[in-house]
Amino acid sequence: MCRKIIFYKSKTGNCPVEEFLDSLSGKQAQKVVWVLRLIEEFEVVPSQYFKKMVNTKDLWEVRVSRASNIFRFLCFMDGDQLVVLCHAFQKKTQKTPLPAIRLAEDRKLDYFRRKKK
């Protein structure tokens, strides 16, 4: 296995990515799981599925499209192999919304701050 994917949990135990996944249809969720498996199992993942984001604090983007729906999962790396999914949304515009990036960056800071303790 090349990577392991986990979901960010807030201090209070909320898991925003899990809540987003619960809102998807069965077929949409299946496609998400398929893409996440690719990221875990393959050393080199095509950038159409997994790409480092520019102009962010080391965020990565998991890209999933199913029919006419486009989903984005923002994440960060904890070491070389641990991928932490911290935010998810349905994409409706060409650019990733700045508030989504800021939220993911805040969750990354929170994750590492709490991990230190």
N, C-alpha and C. Protein backbone atom coordinates (compact mmCIF):
# COMPACT_ATOMS: atom_id res chain seq x y z
N MET A 1 0.85 -1.20 0.00
CA MET A 1 0.00 0.00 0.00
C MET A 1 0.89 1.25 0.00
N CYS A 2 0.59 2.17 -0.88
CA CYS A 2 1.40 3.39 -0.99
C CYS A 2 1.01 4.46 0.01
N ARG A 3 -0.29 4.67 0.16
CA ARG A 3 -0.79 5.72 1.05
C ARG A 3 -1.95 5.19 1.88
N LYS A 4 -2.21 5.90 2.96
CA LYS A 4 -3.38 5.60 3.79
C LYS A 4 -4.18 6.89 3.89
N ILE A 5 -5.50 6.77 3.73
CA ILE A 5 -6.37 7.94 3.80
C ILE A 5 -7.16 7.90 5.10
N ILE A 6 -7.16 9.03 5.80
CA ILE A 6 -8.01 9.17 6.99
C ILE A 6 -8.83 10.45 6.84
N PHE A 7 -9.86 10.58 7.66
CA PHE A 7 -10.72 11.76 7.64
C PHE A 7 -10.39 12.63 8.84
N TYR A 8 -10.27 13.91 8.61
CA TYR A 8 -10.08 14.89 9.68
C TYR A 8 -11.30 14.86 10.60
N LYS A 9 -11.04 14.90 11.90
CA LYS A 9 -12.13 15.03 12.88
C LYS A 9 -11.85 16.28 13.70
N SER A 10 -12.90 17.07 13.93
CA SER A 10 -12.74 18.29 14.73
C SER A 10 -12.53 17.92 16.20
N LYS A 11 -12.21 18.90 17.00
CA LYS A 11 -12.00 18.71 18.43
C LYS A 11 -13.23 18.08 19.08
N THR A 12 -14.42 18.44 18.56
CA THR A 12 -15.67 17.92 19.13
C THR A 12 -16.07 16.57 18.53
N GLY A 13 -15.25 16.07 17.59
CA GLY A 13 -15.53 14.75 17.03
C GLY A 13 -16.31 14.78 15.71
N ASN A 14 -16.64 15.97 15.22
CA ASN A 14 -17.35 16.05 13.93
C ASN A 14 -16.40 15.63 12.81
N CYS A 15 -16.98 14.98 11.81
CA CYS A 15 -16.19 14.54 10.66
C CYS A 15 -16.85 15.09 9.40
N PRO A 16 -16.44 16.30 8.95
CA PRO A 16 -17.11 16.96 7.84
C PRO A 16 -17.11 16.17 6.52
N VAL A 17 -16.03 15.44 6.25
CA VAL A 17 -15.97 14.68 5.00
C VAL A 17 -16.94 13.51 5.04
N GLU A 18 -17.04 12.87 6.19
CA GLU A 18 -17.99 11.76 6.36
C GLU A 18 -19.43 12.27 6.17
N GLU A 19 -19.72 13.44 6.73
CA GLU A 19 -21.06 14.01 6.59
C GLU A 19 -21.35 14.31 5.12
N PHE A 20 -20.36 14.80 4.39
CA PHE A 20 -20.54 15.07 2.96
C PHE A 20 -20.79 13.77 2.20
N LEU A 21 -20.01 12.75 2.50
CA LEU A 21 -20.18 11.45 1.82
C LEU A 21 -21.58 10.88 2.06
N ASP A 22 -22.08 11.06 3.26
CA ASP A 22 -23.43 10.58 3.59
C ASP A 22 -24.50 11.25 2.75
N SER A 23 -24.21 12.44 2.23
CA SER A 23 -25.20 13.18 1.44
C SER A 23 -25.23 12.75 -0.04
N LEU A 24 -24.25 11.95 -0.45
CA LEU A 24 -24.15 11.55 -1.86
C LEU A 24 -25.06 10.35 -2.16
N SER A 25 -25.38 10.19 -3.44
CA SER A 25 -26.14 9.01 -3.86
C SER A 25 -25.19 7.80 -3.81
N GLY A 26 -25.75 6.62 -3.91
CA GLY A 26 -24.95 5.40 -3.87
C GLY A 26 -23.90 5.38 -4.97
N LYS A 27 -24.29 5.72 -6.19
CA LYS A 27 -23.37 5.71 -7.34
C LYS A 27 -22.27 6.76 -7.17
N GLN A 28 -22.64 7.93 -6.65
CA GLN A 28 -21.64 8.98 -6.42
C GLN A 28 -20.63 8.52 -5.37
N ALA A 29 -21.14 7.94 -4.29
CA ALA A 29 -20.26 7.46 -3.22
C ALA A 29 -19.34 6.35 -3.72
N GLN A 30 -19.87 5.48 -4.58
CA GLN A 30 -19.05 4.41 -5.16
C GLN A 30 -17.87 4.97 -5.95
N LYS A 31 -18.13 6.01 -6.72
CA LYS A 31 -17.08 6.62 -7.53
C LYS A 31 -16.02 7.26 -6.62
N VAL A 32 -16.47 7.90 -5.55
CA VAL A 32 -15.53 8.50 -4.59
C VAL A 32 -14.63 7.41 -4.00
N VAL A 33 -15.23 6.32 -3.57
CA VAL A 33 -14.46 5.22 -2.98
C VAL A 33 -13.45 4.67 -3.99
N TRP A 34 -13.86 4.56 -5.25
CA TRP A 34 -12.98 4.07 -6.31
C TRP A 34 -11.75 4.97 -6.45
N VAL A 35 -11.98 6.29 -6.48
CA VAL A 35 -10.87 7.25 -6.60
C VAL A 35 -9.96 7.20 -5.36
N LEU A 36 -10.57 7.12 -4.18
CA LEU A 36 -9.76 7.06 -2.95
C LEU A 36 -8.89 5.80 -2.94
N ARG A 37 -9.43 4.69 -3.45
CA ARG A 37 -8.65 3.46 -3.54
C ARG A 37 -7.45 3.62 -4.47
N LEU A 38 -7.68 4.30 -5.60
CA LEU A 38 -6.57 4.58 -6.53
C LEU A 38 -5.43 5.30 -5.81
N ILE A 39 -5.82 6.31 -5.02
CA ILE A 39 -4.83 7.13 -4.32
C ILE A 39 -4.07 6.30 -3.29
N GLU A 40 -4.79 5.37 -2.64
CA GLU A 40 -4.13 4.53 -1.64
C GLU A 40 -3.21 3.48 -2.28
N GLU A 41 -3.63 2.94 -3.42
CA GLU A 41 -2.94 1.77 -3.95
C GLU A 41 -1.86 2.06 -4.98
N PHE A 42 -1.93 3.18 -5.68
CA PHE A 42 -0.96 3.45 -6.73
C PHE A 42 0.03 4.53 -6.32
N GLU A 43 1.29 4.26 -6.59
CA GLU A 43 2.32 5.24 -6.24
C GLU A 43 2.15 6.51 -7.07
N VAL A 44 1.90 6.34 -8.36
CA VAL A 44 1.69 7.48 -9.25
C VAL A 44 0.21 7.53 -9.61
N VAL A 45 -0.46 8.59 -9.18
CA VAL A 45 -1.89 8.74 -9.43
C VAL A 45 -2.06 9.84 -10.49
N PRO A 46 -2.84 9.57 -11.55
CA PRO A 46 -3.05 10.61 -12.57
C PRO A 46 -3.59 11.90 -11.94
N SER A 47 -3.11 13.04 -12.44
CA SER A 47 -3.50 14.33 -11.85
C SER A 47 -4.98 14.64 -12.04
N GLN A 48 -5.67 13.89 -12.90
CA GLN A 48 -7.12 14.10 -13.00
C GLN A 48 -7.84 13.64 -11.73
N TYR A 49 -7.15 12.86 -10.89
CA TYR A 49 -7.74 12.37 -9.64
C TYR A 49 -7.11 12.96 -8.39
N PHE A 50 -5.82 13.29 -8.44
CA PHE A 50 -5.11 13.69 -7.23
C PHE A 50 -4.03 14.68 -7.64
N LYS A 51 -4.14 15.90 -7.12
CA LYS A 51 -3.24 16.95 -7.59
C LYS A 51 -2.90 17.91 -6.46
N LYS A 52 -1.63 18.31 -6.41
CA LYS A 52 -1.22 19.31 -5.43
C LYS A 52 -1.76 20.67 -5.89
N MET A 53 -2.32 21.41 -4.97
CA MET A 53 -2.91 22.70 -5.30
C MET A 53 -1.84 23.80 -5.24
N VAL A 54 -1.90 24.72 -6.20
CA VAL A 54 -0.96 25.84 -6.19
C VAL A 54 -1.52 26.96 -5.32
N ASN A 55 -0.63 27.80 -4.81
CA ASN A 55 -1.00 28.95 -3.98
C ASN A 55 -1.80 28.57 -2.74
N THR A 56 -1.48 27.42 -2.16
CA THR A 56 -2.08 27.03 -0.89
C THR A 56 -0.95 26.60 0.04
N LYS A 57 -1.29 26.34 1.28
CA LYS A 57 -0.28 25.87 2.24
C LYS A 57 -0.21 24.33 2.18
N ASP A 58 0.34 23.84 1.07
CA ASP A 58 0.53 22.39 0.86
C ASP A 58 -0.76 21.58 0.92
N LEU A 59 -1.80 22.09 0.30
CA LEU A 59 -3.04 21.31 0.19
C LEU A 59 -3.02 20.51 -1.11
N TRP A 60 -3.73 19.41 -1.08
CA TRP A 60 -3.92 18.56 -2.24
C TRP A 60 -5.41 18.49 -2.53
N GLU A 61 -5.73 18.11 -3.73
CA GLU A 61 -7.13 18.04 -4.15
C GLU A 61 -7.41 16.66 -4.73
N VAL A 62 -8.42 16.00 -4.18
CA VAL A 62 -8.91 14.74 -4.75
C VAL A 62 -10.06 15.12 -5.66
N ARG A 63 -9.99 14.69 -6.91
CA ARG A 63 -10.96 15.13 -7.91
C ARG A 63 -11.82 13.95 -8.35
N VAL A 64 -13.12 14.11 -8.20
CA VAL A 64 -14.05 13.05 -8.56
C VAL A 64 -15.16 13.63 -9.42
N SER A 65 -15.42 12.99 -10.57
CA SER A 65 -16.59 13.40 -11.34
C SER A 65 -17.44 12.17 -11.63
N ARG A 66 -18.72 12.38 -11.51
CA ARG A 66 -19.69 11.31 -11.75
C ARG A 66 -20.86 11.94 -12.50
N ALA A 67 -21.09 11.48 -13.74
CA ALA A 67 -22.10 12.08 -14.61
C ALA A 67 -21.78 13.57 -14.73
N SER A 68 -22.73 14.43 -14.41
CA SER A 68 -22.46 15.87 -14.54
C SER A 68 -22.03 16.50 -13.20
N ASN A 69 -21.80 15.68 -12.19
CA ASN A 69 -21.40 16.19 -10.88
C ASN A 69 -19.90 16.13 -10.70
N ILE A 70 -19.35 17.21 -10.14
CA ILE A 70 -17.92 17.27 -9.85
C ILE A 70 -17.76 17.51 -8.36
N PHE A 71 -16.99 16.64 -7.72
CA PHE A 71 -16.75 16.74 -6.29
C PHE A 71 -15.27 16.97 -6.04
N ARG A 72 -14.98 17.75 -5.01
CA ARG A 72 -13.61 18.00 -4.61
C ARG A 72 -13.46 17.69 -3.13
N PHE A 73 -12.36 17.03 -2.83
CA PHE A 73 -11.99 16.72 -1.45
C PHE A 73 -10.64 17.36 -1.24
N LEU A 74 -10.57 18.31 -0.32
CA LEU A 74 -9.31 18.96 -0.02
C LEU A 74 -8.62 18.20 1.10
N CYS A 75 -7.31 18.04 0.97
CA CYS A 75 -6.60 17.23 1.94
C CYS A 75 -5.16 17.74 2.08
N PHE A 76 -4.46 17.13 3.01
CA PHE A 76 -3.05 17.44 3.22
C PHE A 76 -2.34 16.16 3.61
N MET A 77 -1.04 16.21 3.51
CA MET A 77 -0.23 15.04 3.85
C MET A 77 0.30 15.17 5.27
N ASP A 78 0.30 14.04 5.97
CA ASP A 78 0.95 13.95 7.27
C ASP A 78 2.08 12.93 7.07
N GLY A 79 3.26 13.42 6.74
CA GLY A 79 4.35 12.53 6.36
C GLY A 79 4.22 12.17 4.88
N ASP A 80 4.84 11.07 4.48
CA ASP A 80 4.84 10.68 3.07
C ASP A 80 3.62 9.87 2.67
N GLN A 81 3.04 9.14 3.62
CA GLN A 81 2.00 8.19 3.23
C GLN A 81 0.60 8.46 3.77
N LEU A 82 0.46 9.36 4.72
CA LEU A 82 -0.85 9.58 5.32
C LEU A 82 -1.53 10.79 4.67
N VAL A 83 -2.69 10.55 4.07
CA VAL A 83 -3.48 11.61 3.44
C VAL A 83 -4.66 11.90 4.36
N VAL A 84 -4.81 13.16 4.77
CA VAL A 84 -5.89 13.55 5.68
C VAL A 84 -6.91 14.38 4.89
N LEU A 85 -8.08 13.78 4.62
CA LEU A 85 -9.16 14.50 3.94
C LEU A 85 -9.81 15.42 4.95
N CYS A 86 -9.90 16.72 4.63
CA CYS A 86 -10.39 17.66 5.64
C CYS A 86 -11.58 18.50 5.19
N HIS A 87 -11.89 18.50 3.89
CA HIS A 87 -13.05 19.27 3.42
C HIS A 87 -13.53 18.70 2.11
N ALA A 88 -14.84 18.74 1.89
CA ALA A 88 -15.42 18.22 0.65
C ALA A 88 -16.58 19.10 0.22
N PHE A 89 -16.75 19.23 -1.09
CA PHE A 89 -17.85 20.03 -1.61
C PHE A 89 -18.12 19.64 -3.05
N GLN A 90 -19.30 20.03 -3.52
CA GLN A 90 -19.63 19.85 -4.93
C GLN A 90 -19.15 21.09 -5.66
N LYS A 91 -18.38 20.88 -6.71
CA LYS A 91 -17.78 22.00 -7.43
C LYS A 91 -18.73 22.50 -8.50
N LYS A 92 -18.97 23.81 -8.50
CA LYS A 92 -19.88 24.41 -9.47
C LYS A 92 -19.20 25.47 -10.33
N THR A 93 -17.98 25.85 -9.96
CA THR A 93 -17.26 26.87 -10.72
C THR A 93 -15.90 26.32 -11.13
N GLN A 94 -15.25 27.02 -12.02
CA GLN A 94 -13.93 26.59 -12.52
C GLN A 94 -12.89 26.59 -11.40
N LYS A 95 -12.88 27.65 -10.60
CA LYS A 95 -11.88 27.77 -9.54
C LYS A 95 -12.40 27.21 -8.22
N THR A 96 -11.49 26.69 -7.43
CA THR A 96 -11.85 26.24 -6.09
C THR A 96 -12.12 27.48 -5.25
N PRO A 97 -13.28 27.56 -4.60
CA PRO A 97 -13.62 28.75 -3.81
C PRO A 97 -12.60 29.01 -2.69
N LEU A 98 -12.20 30.25 -2.56
CA LEU A 98 -11.23 30.63 -1.54
C LEU A 98 -11.67 30.26 -0.12
N PRO A 99 -12.95 30.44 0.25
CA PRO A 99 -13.36 30.02 1.60
C PRO A 99 -13.13 28.52 1.85
N ALA A 100 -13.27 27.70 0.82
CA ALA A 100 -13.03 26.26 0.96
C ALA A 100 -11.55 26.00 1.24
N ILE A 101 -10.69 26.73 0.55
CA ILE A 101 -9.24 26.58 0.75
C ILE A 101 -8.87 27.04 2.16
N ARG A 102 -9.39 28.18 2.58
CA ARG A 102 -9.09 28.70 3.93
C ARG A 102 -9.55 27.72 5.02
N LEU A 103 -10.75 27.16 4.83
CA LEU A 103 -11.28 26.20 5.80
C LEU A 103 -10.37 24.98 5.89
N ALA A 104 -9.93 24.47 4.74
CA ALA A 104 -9.03 23.31 4.73
C ALA A 104 -7.70 23.66 5.41
N GLU A 105 -7.18 24.85 5.15
CA GLU A 105 -5.93 25.26 5.78
C GLU A 105 -6.09 25.39 7.30
N ASP A 106 -7.23 25.91 7.74
CA ASP A 106 -7.50 26.01 9.18
C ASP A 106 -7.57 24.63 9.82
N ARG A 107 -8.22 23.69 9.13
CA ARG A 107 -8.35 22.33 9.68
C ARG A 107 -6.99 21.63 9.72
N LYS A 108 -6.15 21.93 8.74
CA LYS A 108 -4.79 21.37 8.74
C LYS A 108 -4.03 21.87 9.97
N LEU A 109 -4.08 23.19 10.21
CA LEU A 109 -3.42 23.76 11.39
C LEU A 109 -3.94 23.11 12.68
N ASP A 110 -5.26 22.98 12.77
CA ASP A 110 -5.89 22.37 13.94
C ASP A 110 -5.41 20.93 14.13
N TYR A 111 -5.36 20.18 13.04
CA TYR A 111 -4.93 18.78 13.08
C TYR A 111 -3.52 18.66 13.66
N PHE A 112 -2.59 19.43 13.12
CA PHE A 112 -1.20 19.33 13.59
C PHE A 112 -1.02 19.90 14.99
N ARG A 113 -1.78 20.92 15.34
CA ARG A 113 -1.72 21.49 16.68
C ARG A 113 -2.15 20.44 17.71
N ARG A 114 -3.26 19.77 17.40
CA ARG A 114 -3.76 18.76 18.35
C ARG A 114 -2.90 17.50 18.34
N LYS A 115 -2.28 17.19 17.22
CA LYS A 115 -1.42 16.00 17.13
C LYS A 115 -0.19 16.15 18.02
N LYS A 116 0.32 17.38 18.13
CA LYS A 116 1.50 17.65 18.96
C LYS A 116 1.27 17.35 20.42
N LYS A 117 0.03 17.59 20.88
CA LYS A 117 -0.26 17.46 22.32
C LYS A 117 -0.29 16.01 22.78
